[in-house]
Amino acid sequence: GIAGPLAGLVVAIPVLMIGLSISEVKQVVPMEGSFTEGNSLLYAAI
């Protein structure tokens, strides 16, 4: 049971950190059909 989540996170965390490092922080401009992703404790910390 635990092997899957841990193996997935081993890949997901560096993917997320690299992806965020090439993402932009900008003023929020709401558009039709857009959404804001939710925060988990780990995501907020990263």
All heavy atoms as atom14 arrays in JSON, in Angstrom:
{
  "sequence": "GIAGPLAGLVVAIPVLMIGLSISEVKQVVPMEGSFTEGNSLLYAAI",
  "atom14_mask": [
    [1, 1, 1, 1, 0, 0, 0, 0, 0, 0, 0, 0, 0, 0],
    [1, 1, 1, 1, 1, 1, 1, 1, 0, 0, 0, 0, 0, 0],
    [1, 1, 1, 1, 1, 0, 0, 0, 0, 0, 0, 0, 0, 0],
    [1, 1, 1, 1, 0, 0, 0, 0, 0, 0, 0, 0, 0, 0],
    [1, 1, 1, 1, 1, 1, 1, 0, 0, 0, 0, 0, 0, 0],
    [1, 1, 1, 1, 1, 1, 1, 1, 0, 0, 0, 0, 0, 0],
    [1, 1, 1, 1, 1, 0, 0, 0, 0, 0, 0, 0, 0, 0],
    [1, 1, 1, 1, 0, 0, 0, 0, 0, 0, 0, 0, 0, 0],
    [1, 1, 1, 1, 1, 1, 1, 1, 0, 0, 0, 0, 0, 0],
    [1, 1, 1, 1, 1, 1, 1, 0, 0, 0, 0, 0, 0, 0],
    [1, 1, 1, 1, 1, 1, 1, 0, 0, 0, 0, 0, 0, 0],
    [1, 1, 1, 1, 1, 0, 0, 0, 0, 0, 0, 0, 0, 0],
    [1, 1, 1, 1, 1, 1, 1, 1, 0, 0, 0, 0, 0, 0],
    [1, 1, 1, 1, 1, 1, 1, 0, 0, 0, 0, 0, 0, 0],
    [1, 1, 1, 1, 1, 1, 1, 0, 0, 0, 0, 0, 0, 0],
    [1, 1, 1, 1, 1, 1, 1, 1, 0, 0, 0, 0, 0, 0],
    [1, 1, 1, 1, 1, 1, 1, 1, 0, 0, 0, 0, 0, 0],
    [1, 1, 1, 1, 1, 1, 1, 1, 0, 0, 0, 0, 0, 0],
    [1, 1, 1, 1, 0, 0, 0, 0, 0, 0, 0, 0, 0, 0],
    [1, 1, 1, 1, 1, 1, 1, 1, 0, 0, 0, 0, 0, 0],
    [1, 1, 1, 1, 1, 1, 0, 0, 0, 0, 0, 0, 0, 0],
    [1, 1, 1, 1, 1, 1, 1, 1, 0, 0, 0, 0, 0, 0],
    [1, 1, 1, 1, 1, 1, 0, 0, 0, 0, 0, 0, 0, 0],
    [1, 1, 1, 1, 1, 1, 1, 1, 1, 0, 0, 0, 0, 0],
    [1, 1, 1, 1, 1, 1, 1, 0, 0, 0, 0, 0, 0, 0],
    [1, 1, 1, 1, 1, 1, 1, 1, 1, 0, 0, 0, 0, 0],
    [1, 1, 1, 1, 1, 1, 1, 1, 1, 0, 0, 0, 0, 0],
    [1, 1, 1, 1, 1, 1, 1, 0, 0, 0, 0, 0, 0, 0],
    [1, 1, 1, 1, 1, 1, 1, 0, 0, 0, 0, 0, 0, 0],
    [1, 1, 1, 1, 1, 1, 1, 0, 0, 0, 0, 0, 0, 0],
    [1, 1, 1, 1, 1, 1, 1, 1, 0, 0, 0, 0, 0, 0],
    [1, 1, 1, 1, 1, 1, 1, 1, 1, 0, 0, 0, 0, 0],
    [1, 1, 1, 1, 0, 0, 0, 0, 0, 0, 0, 0, 0, 0],
    [1, 1, 1, 1, 1, 1, 0, 0, 0, 0, 0, 0, 0, 0],
    [1, 1, 1, 1, 1, 1, 1, 1, 1, 1, 1, 0, 0, 0],
    [1, 1, 1, 1, 1, 1, 1, 0, 0, 0, 0, 0, 0, 0],
    [1, 1, 1, 1, 1, 1, 1, 1, 1, 0, 0, 0, 0, 0],
    [1, 1, 1, 1, 0, 0, 0, 0, 0, 0, 0, 0, 0, 0],
    [1, 1, 1, 1, 1, 1, 1, 1, 0, 0, 0, 0, 0, 0],
    [1, 1, 1, 1, 1, 1, 0, 0, 0, 0, 0, 0, 0, 0],
    [1, 1, 1, 1, 1, 1, 1, 1, 0, 0, 0, 0, 0, 0],
    [1, 1, 1, 1, 1, 1, 1, 1, 0, 0, 0, 0, 0, 0],
    [1, 1, 1, 1, 1, 1, 1, 1, 1, 1, 1, 1, 0, 0],
    [1, 1, 1, 1, 1, 0, 0, 0, 0, 0, 0, 0, 0, 0],
    [1, 1, 1, 1, 1, 0, 0, 0, 0, 0, 0, 0, 0, 0],
    [1, 1, 1, 1, 1, 1, 1, 1, 0, 0, 0, 0, 0, 0]
  ],
  "atom14_positions": [
    [[0.79, -1.22, 0.0], [0.0, 0.0, 0.0], [0.82, 1.27, 0.0], [0.49, 2.24, -0.7], [0.0, 0.0, 0.0], [0.0, 0.0, 0.0], [0.0, 0.0, 0.0], [0.0, 0.0, 0.0], [0.0, 0.0, 0.0], [0.0, 0.0, 0.0], [0.0, 0.0, 0.0], [0.0, 0.0, 0.0], [0.0, 0.0, 0.0], [0.0, 0.0, 0.0]],
    [[1.91, 1.3, 0.76], [2.67, 2.54, 0.9], [3.71, 2.72, -0.2], [4.16, 3.85, -0.45], [3.36, 2.6, 2.29], [3.68, 4.05, 2.65], [4.6, 1.72, 2.34], [4.14, 4.23, 4.08], [0.0, 0.0, 0.0], [0.0, 0.0, 0.0], [0.0, 0.0, 0.0], [0.0, 0.0, 0.0], [0.0, 0.0, 0.0], [0.0, 0.0, 0.0]],
    [[4.06, 1.64, -0.89], [5.1, 1.74, -1.92], [4.71, 2.69, -3.04], [5.54, 3.45, -3.53], [5.4, 0.35, -2.49], [0.0, 0.0, 0.0], [0.0, 0.0, 0.0], [0.0, 0.0, 0.0], [0.0, 0.0, 0.0], [0.0, 0.0, 0.0], [0.0, 0.0, 0.0], [0.0, 0.0, 0.0], [0.0, 0.0, 0.0], [0.0, 0.0, 0.0]],
    [[3.44, 2.67, -3.44], [2.99, 3.53, -4.52], [3.1, 5.02, -4.21], [3.74, 5.77, -4.95], [0.0, 0.0, 0.0], [0.0, 0.0, 0.0], [0.0, 0.0, 0.0], [0.0, 0.0, 0.0], [0.0, 0.0, 0.0], [0.0, 0.0, 0.0], [0.0, 0.0, 0.0], [0.0, 0.0, 0.0], [0.0, 0.0, 0.0], [0.0, 0.0, 0.0]],
    [[2.48, 5.47, -3.11], [2.59, 6.9, -2.78], [4.02, 7.38, -2.6], [4.37, 8.48, -3.07], [1.79, 7.01, -1.46], [0.82, 5.89, -1.52], [1.52, 4.77, -2.23], [0.0, 0.0, 0.0], [0.0, 0.0, 0.0], [0.0, 0.0, 0.0], [0.0, 0.0, 0.0], [0.0, 0.0, 0.0], [0.0, 0.0, 0.0], [0.0, 0.0, 0.0]],
    [[4.86, 6.6, -1.94], [6.23, 7.05, -1.71], [7.0, 7.11, -3.03], [7.75, 8.06, -3.27], [6.94, 6.13, -0.72], [6.41, 6.16, 0.72], [7.27, 5.27, 1.62], [6.35, 7.58, 1.27], [0.0, 0.0, 0.0], [0.0, 0.0, 0.0], [0.0, 0.0, 0.0], [0.0, 0.0, 0.0], [0.0, 0.0, 0.0], [0.0, 0.0, 0.0]],
    [[6.82, 6.1, -3.89], [7.52, 6.11, -5.18], [7.04, 7.28, -6.04], [7.83, 7.95, -6.71], [7.29, 4.79, -5.92], [0.0, 0.0, 0.0], [0.0, 0.0, 0.0], [0.0, 0.0, 0.0], [0.0, 0.0, 0.0], [0.0, 0.0, 0.0], [0.0, 0.0, 0.0], [0.0, 0.0, 0.0], [0.0, 0.0, 0.0], [0.0, 0.0, 0.0]],
    [[5.73, 7.55, -6.01], [5.19, 8.67, -6.77], [5.74, 10.0, -6.3], [6.08, 10.88, -7.1], [0.0, 0.0, 0.0], [0.0, 0.0, 0.0], [0.0, 0.0, 0.0], [0.0, 0.0, 0.0], [0.0, 0.0, 0.0], [0.0, 0.0, 0.0], [0.0, 0.0, 0.0], [0.0, 0.0, 0.0], [0.0, 0.0, 0.0], [0.0, 0.0, 0.0]],
    [[5.86, 10.17, -4.98], [6.37, 11.43, -4.43], [7.84, 11.63, -4.75], [8.29, 12.77, -4.89], [6.14, 11.47, -2.92], [4.71, 11.73, -2.46], [4.62, 11.68, -0.95], [4.2, 13.07, -2.98], [0.0, 0.0, 0.0], [0.0, 0.0, 0.0], [0.0, 0.0, 0.0], [0.0, 0.0, 0.0], [0.0, 0.0, 0.0], [0.0, 0.0, 0.0]],
    [[8.59, 10.54, -4.82], [10.01, 10.66, -5.17], [10.17, 11.34, -6.53], [11.14, 12.08, -6.78], [10.68, 9.27, -5.17], [12.04, 9.32, -5.84], [10.83, 8.77, -3.74], [0.0, 0.0, 0.0], [0.0, 0.0, 0.0], [0.0, 0.0, 0.0], [0.0, 0.0, 0.0], [0.0, 0.0, 0.0], [0.0, 0.0, 0.0], [0.0, 0.0, 0.0]],
    [[9.21, 11.13, -7.42], [9.23, 11.78, -8.74], [8.51, 13.12, -8.69], [8.96, 14.12, -9.26], [8.6, 10.87, -9.8], [8.6, 11.55, -11.17], [9.34, 9.54, -9.87], [0.0, 0.0, 0.0], [0.0, 0.0, 0.0], [0.0, 0.0, 0.0], [0.0, 0.0, 0.0], [0.0, 0.0, 0.0], [0.0, 0.0, 0.0], [0.0, 0.0, 0.0]],
    [[7.35, 13.17, -7.99], [6.51, 14.37, -8.03], [7.18, 15.59, -7.42], [7.04, 16.71, -7.93], [5.18, 14.09, -7.32], [0.0, 0.0, 0.0], [0.0, 0.0, 0.0], [0.0, 0.0, 0.0], [0.0, 0.0, 0.0], [0.0, 0.0, 0.0], [0.0, 0.0, 0.0], [0.0, 0.0, 0.0], [0.0, 0.0, 0.0], [0.0, 0.0, 0.0]],
    [[7.9, 15.41, -6.31], [8.47, 16.57, -5.61], [9.53, 17.28, -6.46], [9.46, 18.51, -6.64], [9.02, 16.15, -4.23], [7.84, 15.78, -3.3], [9.85, 17.27, -3.61], [8.26, 15.23, -1.96], [0.0, 0.0, 0.0], [0.0, 0.0, 0.0], [0.0, 0.0, 0.0], [0.0, 0.0, 0.0], [0.0, 0.0, 0.0], [0.0, 0.0, 0.0]],
    [[10.52, 16.57, -7.03], [11.48, 17.31, -7.9], [10.82, 17.86, -9.15], [11.19, 18.95, -9.63], [12.54, 16.26, -8.23], [11.94, 14.95, -7.88], [10.96, 15.18, -6.8], [0.0, 0.0, 0.0], [0.0, 0.0, 0.0], [0.0, 0.0, 0.0], [0.0, 0.0, 0.0], [0.0, 0.0, 0.0], [0.0, 0.0, 0.0], [0.0, 0.0, 0.0]],
    [[9.83, 17.14, -9.72], [9.11, 17.67, -10.88], [8.42, 18.99, -10.51], [8.48, 19.97, -11.26], [8.07, 16.65, -11.39], [7.04, 17.32, -12.3], [8.77, 15.53, -12.15], [0.0, 0.0, 0.0], [0.0, 0.0, 0.0], [0.0, 0.0, 0.0], [0.0, 0.0, 0.0], [0.0, 0.0, 0.0], [0.0, 0.0, 0.0], [0.0, 0.0, 0.0]],
    [[7.78, 19.02, -9.36], [7.1, 20.23, -8.92], [8.08, 21.37, -8.69], [7.84, 22.52, -9.11], [6.32, 19.94, -7.63], [5.61, 21.13, -6.98], [4.57, 21.73, -7.93], [4.95, 20.71, -5.67], [0.0, 0.0, 0.0], [0.0, 0.0, 0.0], [0.0, 0.0, 0.0], [0.0, 0.0, 0.0], [0.0, 0.0, 0.0], [0.0, 0.0, 0.0]],
    [[9.2, 21.09, -8.05], [10.17, 22.14, -7.75], [10.78, 22.71, -9.04], [10.93, 23.93, -9.17], [11.26, 21.59, -6.82], [10.74, 21.18, -5.45], [12.02, 20.58, -4.33], [12.88, 22.11, -3.94], [0.0, 0.0, 0.0], [0.0, 0.0, 0.0], [0.0, 0.0, 0.0], [0.0, 0.0, 0.0], [0.0, 0.0, 0.0], [0.0, 0.0, 0.0]],
    [[11.09, 21.85, -9.99], [11.62, 22.34, -11.27], [10.55, 23.14, -12.0], [10.81, 24.22, -12.55], [12.12, 21.17, -12.13], [13.31, 20.48, -11.47], [12.5, 21.65, -13.53], [13.72, 19.18, -12.14], [0.0, 0.0, 0.0], [0.0, 0.0, 0.0], [0.0, 0.0, 0.0], [0.0, 0.0, 0.0], [0.0, 0.0, 0.0], [0.0, 0.0, 0.0]],
    [[9.32, 22.62, -12.0], [8.24, 23.31, -12.68], [7.94, 24.67, -12.09], [7.72, 25.65, -12.82], [0.0, 0.0, 0.0], [0.0, 0.0, 0.0], [0.0, 0.0, 0.0], [0.0, 0.0, 0.0], [0.0, 0.0, 0.0], [0.0, 0.0, 0.0], [0.0, 0.0, 0.0], [0.0, 0.0, 0.0], [0.0, 0.0, 0.0], [0.0, 0.0, 0.0]],
    [[7.96, 24.77, -10.77], [7.73, 26.07, -10.12], [8.86, 27.05, -10.42], [8.62, 28.25, -10.59], [7.57, 25.89, -8.61], [6.26, 25.27, -8.13], [6.29, 25.06, -6.62], [5.05, 26.13, -8.51], [0.0, 0.0, 0.0], [0.0, 0.0, 0.0], [0.0, 0.0, 0.0], [0.0, 0.0, 0.0], [0.0, 0.0, 0.0], [0.0, 0.0, 0.0]],
    [[10.08, 26.54, -10.5], [11.22, 27.44, -10.74], [11.17, 28.08, -12.12], [11.8, 29.12, -12.35], [12.53, 26.67, -10.56], [12.7, 25.7, -11.58], [0.0, 0.0, 0.0], [0.0, 0.0, 0.0], [0.0, 0.0, 0.0], [0.0, 0.0, 0.0], [0.0, 0.0, 0.0], [0.0, 0.0, 0.0], [0.0, 0.0, 0.0], [0.0, 0.0, 0.0]],
    [[10.43, 27.48, -13.06], [10.3, 28.07, -14.4], [8.89, 28.66, -14.61], [8.53, 28.98, -15.74], [10.62, 27.03, -15.5], [9.74, 25.78, -15.37], [12.08, 26.65, -15.46], [9.97, 24.74, -16.47], [0.0, 0.0, 0.0], [0.0, 0.0, 0.0], [0.0, 0.0, 0.0], [0.0, 0.0, 0.0], [0.0, 0.0, 0.0], [0.0, 0.0, 0.0]],
    [[8.13, 28.77, -13.53], [6.8, 29.4, -13.6], [6.92, 30.87, -13.22], [7.88, 31.29, -12.56], [5.82, 28.69, -12.66], [5.66, 27.33, -12.99], [0.0, 0.0, 0.0], [0.0, 0.0, 0.0], [0.0, 0.0, 0.0], [0.0, 0.0, 0.0], [0.0, 0.0, 0.0], [0.0, 0.0, 0.0], [0.0, 0.0, 0.0], [0.0, 0.0, 0.0]],
    [[5.93, 31.66, -13.62], [5.93, 33.09, -13.35], [4.95, 33.43, -12.23], [3.88, 32.84, -12.13], [5.53, 33.88, -14.6], [6.51, 33.79, -15.75], [6.06, 34.65, -16.91], [6.32, 35.89, -16.87], [5.43, 34.12, -17.83], [0.0, 0.0, 0.0], [0.0, 0.0, 0.0], [0.0, 0.0, 0.0], [0.0, 0.0, 0.0], [0.0, 0.0, 0.0]],
    [[5.33, 34.41, -11.43], [4.43, 34.99, -10.44], [3.92, 36.3, -11.01], [4.7, 37.2, -11.32], [5.13, 35.22, -9.09], [4.2, 35.94, -8.12], [5.6, 33.89, -8.5], [0.0, 0.0, 0.0], [0.0, 0.0, 0.0], [0.0, 0.0, 0.0], [0.0, 0.0, 0.0], [0.0, 0.0, 0.0], [0.0, 0.0, 0.0], [0.0, 0.0, 0.0]],
    [[2.6, 36.39, -11.18], [2.01, 37.57, -11.8], [0.75, 37.98, -11.07], [0.22, 37.24, -10.23], [1.66, 37.28, -13.27], [2.85, 36.91, -14.15], [2.46, 36.84, -15.61], [1.49, 35.72, -15.89], [1.24, 35.55, -17.35], [0.0, 0.0, 0.0], [0.0, 0.0, 0.0], [0.0, 0.0, 0.0], [0.0, 0.0, 0.0], [0.0, 0.0, 0.0]],
    [[0.29, 39.19, -11.4], [-0.97, 39.67, -10.88], [-2.1, 38.76, -11.4], [-2.14, 38.4, -12.56], [-1.23, 41.12, -11.33], [-2.34, 41.82, -10.59], [-1.94, 42.18, -9.16], [-0.76, 42.31, -8.85], [-2.93, 42.34, -8.29], [0.0, 0.0, 0.0], [0.0, 0.0, 0.0], [0.0, 0.0, 0.0], [0.0, 0.0, 0.0], [0.0, 0.0, 0.0]],
    [[-2.99, 38.4, -10.5], [-4.08, 37.5, -10.88], [-5.11, 38.27, -11.7], [-5.64, 39.3, -11.27], [-4.76, 36.9, -9.63], [-5.97, 36.06, -10.04], [-3.75, 36.05, -8.85], [0.0, 0.0, 0.0], [0.0, 0.0, 0.0], [0.0, 0.0, 0.0], [0.0, 0.0, 0.0], [0.0, 0.0, 0.0], [0.0, 0.0, 0.0], [0.0, 0.0, 0.0]],
    [[-5.39, 37.77, -12.9], [-6.41, 38.34, -13.78], [-7.43, 37.24, -14.06], [-7.19, 36.34, -14.87], [-5.81, 38.85, -15.1], [-6.91, 39.44, -15.99], [-4.72, 39.87, -14.83], [0.0, 0.0, 0.0], [0.0, 0.0, 0.0], [0.0, 0.0, 0.0], [0.0, 0.0, 0.0], [0.0, 0.0, 0.0], [0.0, 0.0, 0.0], [0.0, 0.0, 0.0]],
    [[-8.57, 37.26, -13.36], [-9.57, 36.2, -13.56], [-10.06, 36.17, -15.0], [-10.37, 37.2, -15.6], [-10.71, 36.59, -12.61], [-10.07, 37.5, -11.6], [-9.0, 38.23, -12.34], [0.0, 0.0, 0.0], [0.0, 0.0, 0.0], [0.0, 0.0, 0.0], [0.0, 0.0, 0.0], [0.0, 0.0, 0.0], [0.0, 0.0, 0.0], [0.0, 0.0, 0.0]],
    [[-10.1, 34.93, -15.57], [-10.6, 34.74, -16.92], [-11.63, 33.62, -16.91], [-11.63, 32.76, -16.01], [-9.45, 34.4, -17.88], [-8.43, 35.51, -18.08], [-7.15, 35.06, -19.3], [-6.34, 33.73, -18.43], [0.0, 0.0, 0.0], [0.0, 0.0, 0.0], [0.0, 0.0, 0.0], [0.0, 0.0, 0.0], [0.0, 0.0, 0.0], [0.0, 0.0, 0.0]],
    [[-12.5, 33.64, -17.9], [-13.55, 32.63, -18.01], [-12.93, 31.24, -18.09], [-12.05, 30.97, -18.91], [-14.39, 32.87, -19.27], [-15.63, 31.99, -19.36], [-16.68, 32.39, -18.34], [-16.82, 33.59, -18.06], [-17.36, 31.48, -17.83], [0.0, 0.0, 0.0], [0.0, 0.0, 0.0], [0.0, 0.0, 0.0], [0.0, 0.0, 0.0], [0.0, 0.0, 0.0]],
    [[-13.37, 30.35, -17.19], [-12.9, 28.97, -17.21], [-11.6, 28.73, -16.48], [-11.14, 27.59, -16.41], [0.0, 0.0, 0.0], [0.0, 0.0, 0.0], [0.0, 0.0, 0.0], [0.0, 0.0, 0.0], [0.0, 0.0, 0.0], [0.0, 0.0, 0.0], [0.0, 0.0, 0.0], [0.0, 0.0, 0.0], [0.0, 0.0, 0.0], [0.0, 0.0, 0.0]],
    [[-10.97, 29.77, -15.94], [-9.71, 29.58, -15.22], [-9.99, 29.13, -13.78], [-11.1, 29.27, -13.27], [-8.89, 30.86, -15.22], [-9.59, 31.92, -14.59], [0.0, 0.0, 0.0], [0.0, 0.0, 0.0], [0.0, 0.0, 0.0], [0.0, 0.0, 0.0], [0.0, 0.0, 0.0], [0.0, 0.0, 0.0], [0.0, 0.0, 0.0], [0.0, 0.0, 0.0]],
    [[-8.96, 28.59, -13.15], [-9.13, 28.1, -11.78], [-7.85, 28.35, -11.0], [-6.78, 28.56, -11.57], [-9.47, 26.61, -11.77], [-8.34, 25.74, -12.24], [-7.41, 25.21, -11.35], [-8.19, 25.44, -13.59], [-6.37, 24.43, -11.77], [-7.14, 24.64, -14.03], [-6.24, 24.14, -13.12], [0.0, 0.0, 0.0], [0.0, 0.0, 0.0], [0.0, 0.0, 0.0]],
    [[-7.99, 28.32, -9.69], [-6.84, 28.4, -8.78], [-6.66, 27.04, -8.13], [-7.63, 26.48, -7.6], [-7.06, 29.47, -7.7], [-7.24, 30.74, -8.32], [-5.87, 29.52, -6.75], [0.0, 0.0, 0.0], [0.0, 0.0, 0.0], [0.0, 0.0, 0.0], [0.0, 0.0, 0.0], [0.0, 0.0, 0.0], [0.0, 0.0, 0.0], [0.0, 0.0, 0.0]],
    [[-5.45, 26.51, -8.2], [-5.19, 25.21, -7.59], [-5.12, 25.35, -6.08], [-4.69, 26.38, -5.55], [-3.89, 24.61, -8.15], [-2.59, 25.17, -7.57], [-2.2, 26.51, -8.14], [-2.95, 27.06, -8.97], [-1.12, 27.01, -7.76], [0.0, 0.0, 0.0], [0.0, 0.0, 0.0], [0.0, 0.0, 0.0], [0.0, 0.0, 0.0], [0.0, 0.0, 0.0]],
    [[-5.53, 24.31, -5.39], [-5.55, 24.35, -3.93], [-4.19, 24.08, -3.32], [-3.28, 23.52, -3.95], [0.0, 0.0, 0.0], [0.0, 0.0, 0.0], [0.0, 0.0, 0.0], [0.0, 0.0, 0.0], [0.0, 0.0, 0.0], [0.0, 0.0, 0.0], [0.0, 0.0, 0.0], [0.0, 0.0, 0.0], [0.0, 0.0, 0.0], [0.0, 0.0, 0.0]],
    [[-4.05, 24.5, -2.08], [-2.8, 24.31, -1.34], [-2.9, 23.12, -0.39], [-3.89, 22.98, 0.34], [-2.47, 25.55, -0.51], [-1.75, 26.61, -1.31], [-0.77, 26.32, -1.99], [-2.24, 27.84, -1.26], [0.0, 0.0, 0.0], [0.0, 0.0, 0.0], [0.0, 0.0, 0.0], [0.0, 0.0, 0.0], [0.0, 0.0, 0.0], [0.0, 0.0, 0.0]],
    [[-1.91, 22.27, -0.4], [-1.66, 21.33, 0.68], [-0.51, 21.9, 1.5], [0.15, 22.86, 1.09], [-1.28, 19.95, 0.14], [-0.06, 20.02, -0.6], [0.0, 0.0, 0.0], [0.0, 0.0, 0.0], [0.0, 0.0, 0.0], [0.0, 0.0, 0.0], [0.0, 0.0, 0.0], [0.0, 0.0, 0.0], [0.0, 0.0, 0.0], [0.0, 0.0, 0.0]],
    [[-0.25, 21.32, 2.66], [0.86, 21.82, 3.49], [2.18, 21.7, 2.74], [3.01, 22.63, 2.75], [0.92, 21.04, 4.8], [-0.24, 21.24, 5.78], [-0.1, 20.31, 6.98], [-0.31, 22.7, 6.23], [0.0, 0.0, 0.0], [0.0, 0.0, 0.0], [0.0, 0.0, 0.0], [0.0, 0.0, 0.0], [0.0, 0.0, 0.0], [0.0, 0.0, 0.0]],
    [[2.39, 20.59, 2.04], [3.65, 20.39, 1.33], [3.76, 21.33, 0.14], [4.82, 21.92, -0.1], [3.77, 18.94, 0.88], [5.07, 18.57, 0.14], [6.28, 18.85, 1.01], [5.05, 17.1, -0.29], [0.0, 0.0, 0.0], [0.0, 0.0, 0.0], [0.0, 0.0, 0.0], [0.0, 0.0, 0.0], [0.0, 0.0, 0.0], [0.0, 0.0, 0.0]],
    [[2.68, 21.5, -0.6], [2.71, 22.38, -1.77], [2.97, 23.82, -1.34], [3.8, 24.53, -1.95], [1.38, 22.28, -2.51], [1.28, 23.15, -3.75], [2.26, 23.11, -4.73], [0.2, 24.0, -3.94], [2.18, 23.9, -5.87], [0.1, 24.79, -5.07], [1.09, 24.74, -6.03], [1.0, 25.52, -7.16], [0.0, 0.0, 0.0], [0.0, 0.0, 0.0]],
    [[2.31, 24.27, -0.28], [2.53, 25.63, 0.21], [3.98, 25.81, 0.66], [4.6, 26.85, 0.39], [1.57, 25.93, 1.36], [0.0, 0.0, 0.0], [0.0, 0.0, 0.0], [0.0, 0.0, 0.0], [0.0, 0.0, 0.0], [0.0, 0.0, 0.0], [0.0, 0.0, 0.0], [0.0, 0.0, 0.0], [0.0, 0.0, 0.0], [0.0, 0.0, 0.0]],
    [[4.53, 24.8, 1.33], [5.91, 24.89, 1.81], [6.9, 24.97, 0.65], [7.88, 25.73, 0.7], [6.23, 23.7, 2.7], [0.0, 0.0, 0.0], [0.0, 0.0, 0.0], [0.0, 0.0, 0.0], [0.0, 0.0, 0.0], [0.0, 0.0, 0.0], [0.0, 0.0, 0.0], [0.0, 0.0, 0.0], [0.0, 0.0, 0.0], [0.0, 0.0, 0.0]],
    [[6.66, 24.19, -0.41], [7.56, 24.22, -1.56], [7.49, 25.57, -2.26], [8.51, 26.12, -2.71], [7.23, 23.07, -2.52], [7.59, 21.72, -1.88], [7.98, 23.23, -3.85], [7.21, 20.51, -2.69], [0.0, 0.0, 0.0], [0.0, 0.0, 0.0], [0.0, 0.0, 0.0], [0.0, 0.0, 0.0], [0.0, 0.0, 0.0], [0.0, 0.0, 0.0]]
  ]
}
